[in-house]
Amino acid sequence: MESPLSTKNDGFFENVYAVVRLIPKGRVTSYGAIAKYLGTPRSSRMVGWAMNNAHSYHDVPAHRVVNRNGLLTGKHHFSSADEMEKRLGKEGIVVKNDAIIDLKACFWDPSTELEL
C-alpha cells in the first residue's frame, strides 16, 4: 500500500496549506471545511495527513485546524502536548479539556469567507 504522504499528494497538500495560511488569527477551521472548500468534501482525512506533515513548513498555522467538534486532535504533532492549546490561547481562543469552548464564535469557514 502506498503511503498517503507520497509525492502524488503534493499538489493537494499545497492547496491545503494555502487555505490554512488564510485562516485569520483568533479563528479556527476544521479538516472537513478545508476539504469541502477544495472541492473534495470526502477527503477530510487527507487534509489531516497534510496537517500532520505541516510541521516542516513554518508559515502554516496548523494550530488553527481542529476537528469538526473543536477538538485539538492534531496536538500530538506539536513540540509538546500543550503547544497547540498555548498557541490558540495567545490568539484569544479558550480551550478546556482539549476542546475549543465556543467553536461557533471562532469558526472560520473558507467556503463562505473566501471566493471560489
Protein backbone atom coordinates (compact mmCIF):
# COMPACT_ATOMS: atom_id res chain seq x y z
CA MET A 1 0.00 0.00 0.00
CA GLU A 2 1.31 3.42 -0.96
CA SER A 3 1.91 5.98 1.79
CA PRO A 4 -0.67 8.80 1.94
CA LEU A 5 2.29 11.19 2.08
CA SER A 6 3.56 10.24 -1.38
CA THR A 7 4.51 12.84 -3.94
CA LYS A 8 1.23 12.38 -5.81
CA ASN A 9 -0.43 14.24 -2.93
CA ASP A 10 1.96 17.20 -3.01
CA GLY A 11 -0.44 19.39 -5.03
CA PHE A 12 -3.32 18.64 -2.69
CA PHE A 13 -1.17 19.29 0.38
CA GLU A 14 -0.01 22.63 -1.05
CA ASN A 15 -3.66 23.60 -1.64
CA VAL A 16 -4.44 22.69 1.97
CA TYR A 17 -1.52 24.80 3.22
CA ALA A 18 -2.63 27.73 1.06
CA VAL A 19 -6.06 27.67 2.72
CA VAL A 20 -4.62 27.25 6.23
CA ARG A 21 -2.34 30.27 5.68
CA LEU A 22 -5.50 32.36 5.13
CA ILE A 23 -7.13 31.49 8.48
CA PRO A 24 -7.11 34.74 10.48
CA LYS A 25 -5.57 34.90 13.96
CA GLY A 26 -8.14 34.11 16.60
CA ARG A 27 -10.14 31.87 14.26
CA VAL A 28 -10.11 28.13 13.55
CA THR A 29 -11.45 25.81 10.89
CA SER A 30 -11.89 22.08 10.52
CA TYR A 31 -10.35 19.42 8.32
CA GLY A 32 -13.75 18.87 6.70
CA ALA A 33 -14.32 22.57 5.99
CA ILE A 34 -10.99 22.74 4.18
CA ALA A 35 -11.78 19.57 2.21
CA LYS A 36 -15.20 20.94 1.22
CA TYR A 37 -13.68 24.24 0.11
CA LEU A 38 -11.14 22.40 -2.04
CA GLY A 39 -13.98 20.55 -3.78
CA THR A 40 -13.25 17.19 -2.17
CA PRO A 41 -15.72 17.00 0.73
CA ARG A 42 -14.90 13.37 1.48
CA SER A 43 -11.18 13.99 1.92
CA SER A 44 -11.02 15.42 5.45
CA ARG A 45 -8.70 12.57 6.43
CA MET A 46 -6.34 13.58 3.61
CA VAL A 47 -6.42 17.15 4.97
CA GLY A 48 -5.42 15.64 8.31
CA TRP A 49 -2.47 13.91 6.67
CA ALA A 50 -1.44 17.21 5.12
CA MET A 51 -1.63 18.88 8.53
CA ASN A 52 0.44 16.09 10.08
CA ASN A 53 3.10 16.94 7.53
CA ALA A 54 2.78 20.73 8.05
CA HIS A 55 5.40 20.80 10.83
CA SER A 56 8.09 21.16 8.17
CA TYR A 57 6.50 24.43 7.00
CA HIS A 58 6.96 27.27 9.46
CA ASP A 59 4.43 29.53 7.78
CA VAL A 60 1.46 27.15 8.11
CA PRO A 61 -0.56 27.93 11.27
CA ALA A 62 -1.53 24.29 11.82
CA HIS A 63 -2.78 25.08 15.34
CA ARG A 64 -5.84 26.73 13.74
CA VAL A 65 -7.13 23.45 12.30
CA VAL A 66 -9.26 21.27 14.58
CA ASN A 67 -11.79 18.51 14.11
CA ARG A 68 -15.47 19.24 13.43
CA ASN A 69 -16.26 19.25 17.15
CA GLY A 70 -13.46 21.67 18.01
CA LEU A 71 -11.18 19.00 19.49
CA LEU A 72 -7.42 19.51 19.25
CA THR A 73 -6.89 16.18 17.52
CA GLY A 74 -3.61 17.28 15.95
CA LYS A 75 -1.97 18.32 19.21
CA HIS A 76 0.40 15.36 19.31
CA HIS A 77 2.13 16.69 16.18
CA PHE A 78 3.40 19.75 18.02
CA SER A 79 6.62 20.06 20.03
CA SER A 80 4.76 19.45 23.29
CA ALA A 81 1.33 18.13 24.28
CA ASP A 82 0.08 21.61 25.17
CA GLU A 83 1.73 23.65 22.38
CA MET A 84 -1.39 23.77 20.21
CA GLU A 85 -3.50 24.97 23.13
CA LYS A 86 -0.90 27.60 24.05
CA ARG A 87 -0.83 28.98 20.51
CA LEU A 88 -4.62 29.16 20.38
CA GLY A 89 -4.69 30.82 23.80
CA LYS A 90 -2.30 33.53 22.61
CA GLU A 91 -4.86 34.29 19.92
CA GLY A 92 -7.72 34.55 22.43
CA ILE A 93 -9.26 31.14 21.83
CA VAL A 94 -10.31 29.40 25.04
CA VAL A 95 -9.62 25.67 25.23
CA LYS A 96 -10.68 23.31 28.01
CA ASN A 97 -10.03 19.57 28.07
CA ASP A 98 -8.55 19.73 24.56
CA ALA A 99 -11.69 21.30 23.09
CA ILE A 100 -12.47 24.84 21.97
CA ILE A 101 -15.08 26.28 24.31
CA ASP A 102 -17.02 28.43 21.83
CA LEU A 103 -16.29 26.87 18.46
CA LYS A 104 -19.20 28.60 16.76
CA ALA A 105 -17.88 32.05 17.69
CA CYS A 106 -14.37 31.49 16.34
CA PHE A 107 -15.09 29.11 13.45
CA TRP A 108 -13.85 30.28 10.05
CA ASP A 109 -15.47 28.58 7.07
CA PRO A 110 -13.38 29.03 3.92
CA SER A 111 -16.43 28.25 1.73
CA THR A 112 -18.18 31.39 3.00
CA GLU A 113 -15.14 33.56 3.80
CA LEU A 114 -13.25 33.06 0.54
CA GLU A 115 -14.41 33.46 -3.02
CA LEU A 116 -14.23 30.24 -5.01
